[in-house]
Protein backbone atom coordinates (compact mmCIF):
# COMPACT_ATOMS: atom_id res chain seq x y z
CA MET A 1 3.72 -0.34 34.81
CA SER A 2 3.21 -3.31 37.56
CA LYS A 3 2.20 -6.75 36.55
CA LEU A 4 -0.96 -6.00 38.24
CA LEU A 5 -1.72 -2.68 36.52
CA ARG A 6 -1.00 -4.60 32.98
CA TYR A 7 -3.54 -7.52 33.74
CA LEU A 8 -6.12 -4.75 35.03
CA TRP A 9 -5.44 -2.54 32.01
CA ALA A 10 -6.00 -5.68 29.62
CA ALA A 11 -8.61 -7.29 31.63
CA PRO A 12 -11.78 -5.94 29.47
CA ASN A 13 -10.09 -7.55 26.44
CA SER A 14 -9.40 -10.76 28.63
CA LEU A 15 -12.85 -11.02 29.71
CA LEU A 16 -13.87 -11.13 26.04
CA GLY A 17 -11.48 -14.19 25.78
CA LEU A 18 -12.77 -15.81 28.96
CA LEU A 19 -16.31 -15.78 27.56
CA LEU A 20 -15.07 -17.63 24.59
CA MET A 21 -13.34 -20.34 26.86
CA PRO A 22 -16.25 -22.80 26.98
CA LEU A 23 -15.82 -23.65 23.28
CA ALA A 24 -12.41 -24.86 23.99
CA LEU A 25 -13.61 -26.97 26.99
CA ALA A 26 -15.96 -28.98 24.68
CA GLY A 27 -13.21 -31.32 23.34
CA GLY A 28 -10.45 -28.84 23.28
CA GLN A 29 -7.64 -28.14 25.94
CA VAL A 30 -6.74 -25.02 28.21
CA ARG A 31 -3.75 -24.22 30.48
CA ARG A 32 -1.98 -21.66 31.96
CA CYS A 33 1.28 -20.59 30.21
CA ARG A 34 3.77 -17.50 31.47
CA GLY A 35 1.01 -15.27 32.39
CA THR A 36 -1.68 -16.30 29.95
CA LEU A 37 -4.44 -18.64 29.40
CA GLU A 38 -4.01 -20.61 26.46
CA ALA A 39 -7.06 -22.75 24.98
CA SER A 40 -6.90 -24.74 21.71
CA GLY A 41 -9.17 -27.33 20.12
CA GLY A 42 -12.74 -28.20 20.55
CA GLY A 43 -15.54 -25.51 19.51
CA LEU A 44 -12.44 -23.19 18.78
CA LYS A 45 -11.80 -24.91 15.28
CA TRP A 46 -15.28 -23.88 14.36
CA LEU A 47 -15.11 -20.22 15.65
CA LEU A 48 -11.76 -19.57 14.07
CA GLY A 49 -12.45 -21.10 10.85
CA PRO A 50 -10.60 -20.68 7.83
CA TYR A 51 -9.73 -17.40 8.82
CA ALA A 52 -7.27 -17.62 11.47
CA GLU A 53 -4.85 -20.35 13.50
CA ALA A 54 -4.84 -18.39 16.44
CA VAL A 55 -6.30 -14.99 18.08
CA THR A 56 -5.40 -13.15 21.12
CA LEU A 57 -7.73 -11.29 23.55
CA GLY A 58 -5.97 -9.85 26.34
CA HIS A 59 -4.03 -12.43 28.14
CA VAL A 60 -6.22 -14.94 26.66
CA ILE A 61 -4.65 -16.88 23.55
CA LEU A 62 -7.04 -18.99 21.61
CA ALA A 63 -6.24 -21.32 18.70
CA LYS A 64 -7.84 -24.03 16.30
CA HIS A 65 -5.08 -26.90 17.46
CA PRO A 66 -2.47 -27.36 19.81
CA HIS A 67 -0.23 -27.36 16.84
CA SER A 68 -1.47 -23.96 15.88
CA LEU A 69 -0.82 -22.92 19.42
CA ASN A 70 2.80 -24.06 19.02
CA ARG A 71 3.37 -22.59 15.78
CA TRP A 72 1.94 -19.09 16.65
CA ARG A 73 2.63 -18.87 20.47
CA ALA A 74 5.64 -16.10 20.12
CA HIS A 75 3.48 -14.20 17.80
CA GLU A 76 0.34 -13.99 19.83
CA ARG A 77 2.46 -13.18 22.95
CA ARG A 78 3.52 -10.11 21.34
CA HIS A 79 0.03 -9.19 20.96
CA VAL A 80 -0.40 -9.93 24.58
CA ARG A 81 2.26 -7.37 25.20
CA GLN A 82 -0.01 -4.80 22.91
CA TYR A 83 -2.86 -5.29 24.79
CA GLU A 84 -0.81 -4.45 28.18
CA ILE A 85 -0.11 -1.22 26.63
CA TRP A 86 -2.94 -0.33 24.80
CA GLY A 87 -5.51 -1.67 27.12
CA PRO A 88 -9.07 -1.31 26.17
CA LEU A 89 -8.09 0.92 23.14
CA PHE A 90 -6.55 -2.11 21.73
CA ILE A 91 -9.35 -3.56 19.66
CA PRO A 92 -10.39 -0.16 18.21
CA ALA A 93 -7.08 0.82 17.30
CA TYR A 94 -6.54 -2.41 15.46
CA LEU A 95 -9.68 -2.04 13.58
CA LEU A 96 -8.60 1.48 12.72
CA SER A 97 -5.27 0.07 11.53
CA SER A 98 -6.81 -2.42 9.24
CA ALA A 99 -9.43 0.32 8.01
CA TRP A 100 -6.68 2.87 7.18
CA CYS A 101 -4.69 -0.21 5.29
CA LEU A 102 -7.91 -0.70 3.32
CA LEU A 103 -8.12 3.16 2.44
CA CYS A 104 -4.43 3.15 1.47
CA GLY A 105 -5.01 0.14 -1.03
CA ARG A 106 -3.12 -2.24 1.56
CA ARG A 107 -3.91 -5.34 3.15
CA PRO A 108 -5.88 -5.07 6.35
CA TYR A 109 -4.26 -8.05 8.07
CA ARG A 110 -1.07 -8.47 6.64
CA ASP A 111 -0.25 -4.78 6.48
CA ASN A 112 -1.82 -3.99 9.87
CA ALA A 113 0.81 -2.04 12.00
CA PHE A 114 0.16 -4.26 14.90
CA GLU A 115 0.50 -7.54 12.94
CA ARG A 116 3.95 -6.14 11.68
CA GLN A 117 4.85 -5.28 14.97
CA ALA A 118 4.11 -8.73 16.15
CA GLY A 119 6.39 -10.09 13.42
CA LEU A 120 3.78 -11.56 10.91
CA ALA A 121 5.91 -12.27 8.58
CA LYS A 122 8.21 -14.34 10.35
CA TYR A 123 5.53 -16.87 11.13
CA SER A 124 3.25 -16.36 8.26
CA ARG A 125 2.60 -19.06 5.74
CA TRP A 126 2.23 -16.44 3.07
CA GLN A 127 5.95 -15.52 3.27
CA GLY A 128 7.62 -15.93 -0.10
CA ALA A 129 10.51 -17.70 -1.23
CA ALA A 130 12.55 -14.91 -0.99
CA GLY A 131 11.48 -13.84 2.64
CA ASN A 132 9.22 -11.16 1.27
CA PRO A 133 5.87 -11.43 2.88
CA ARG A 134 4.26 -9.21 0.24
CA SER A 135 5.22 -12.10 -2.36
CA GLY A 136 2.92 -14.57 -0.93
CA LEU A 137 -1.03 -14.78 -1.55
CA GLU A 138 -2.81 -11.57 -2.14
């Protein structure tokens, strides 16, 4: 798939990220980085709260702090690639994966197929001493 088609396919999700960009402009920073827009700080600290360090919407990566962005960039860039593949179906598919995890008695975030594919265990603070991502916080 050409680069233009990947951007167009992910565009509905990227638009959601762009709508949140003013929060970063209020005391934070925004920059272009290898085909994405990255925003950190400002009102994003409030938006992401205690639930996430960073989030990706299409080709837009939003993070609480610049150091959060540095820590999670590789993981979030894998989500960008997932958006390029799934396009507007990504968010519903992600939510269905989380719902399936709940129905199976698993954790809706850490056991989500998209998070596992994006290498969550490698970047997660929940990883246990033996390298087992399941041995962390429940």
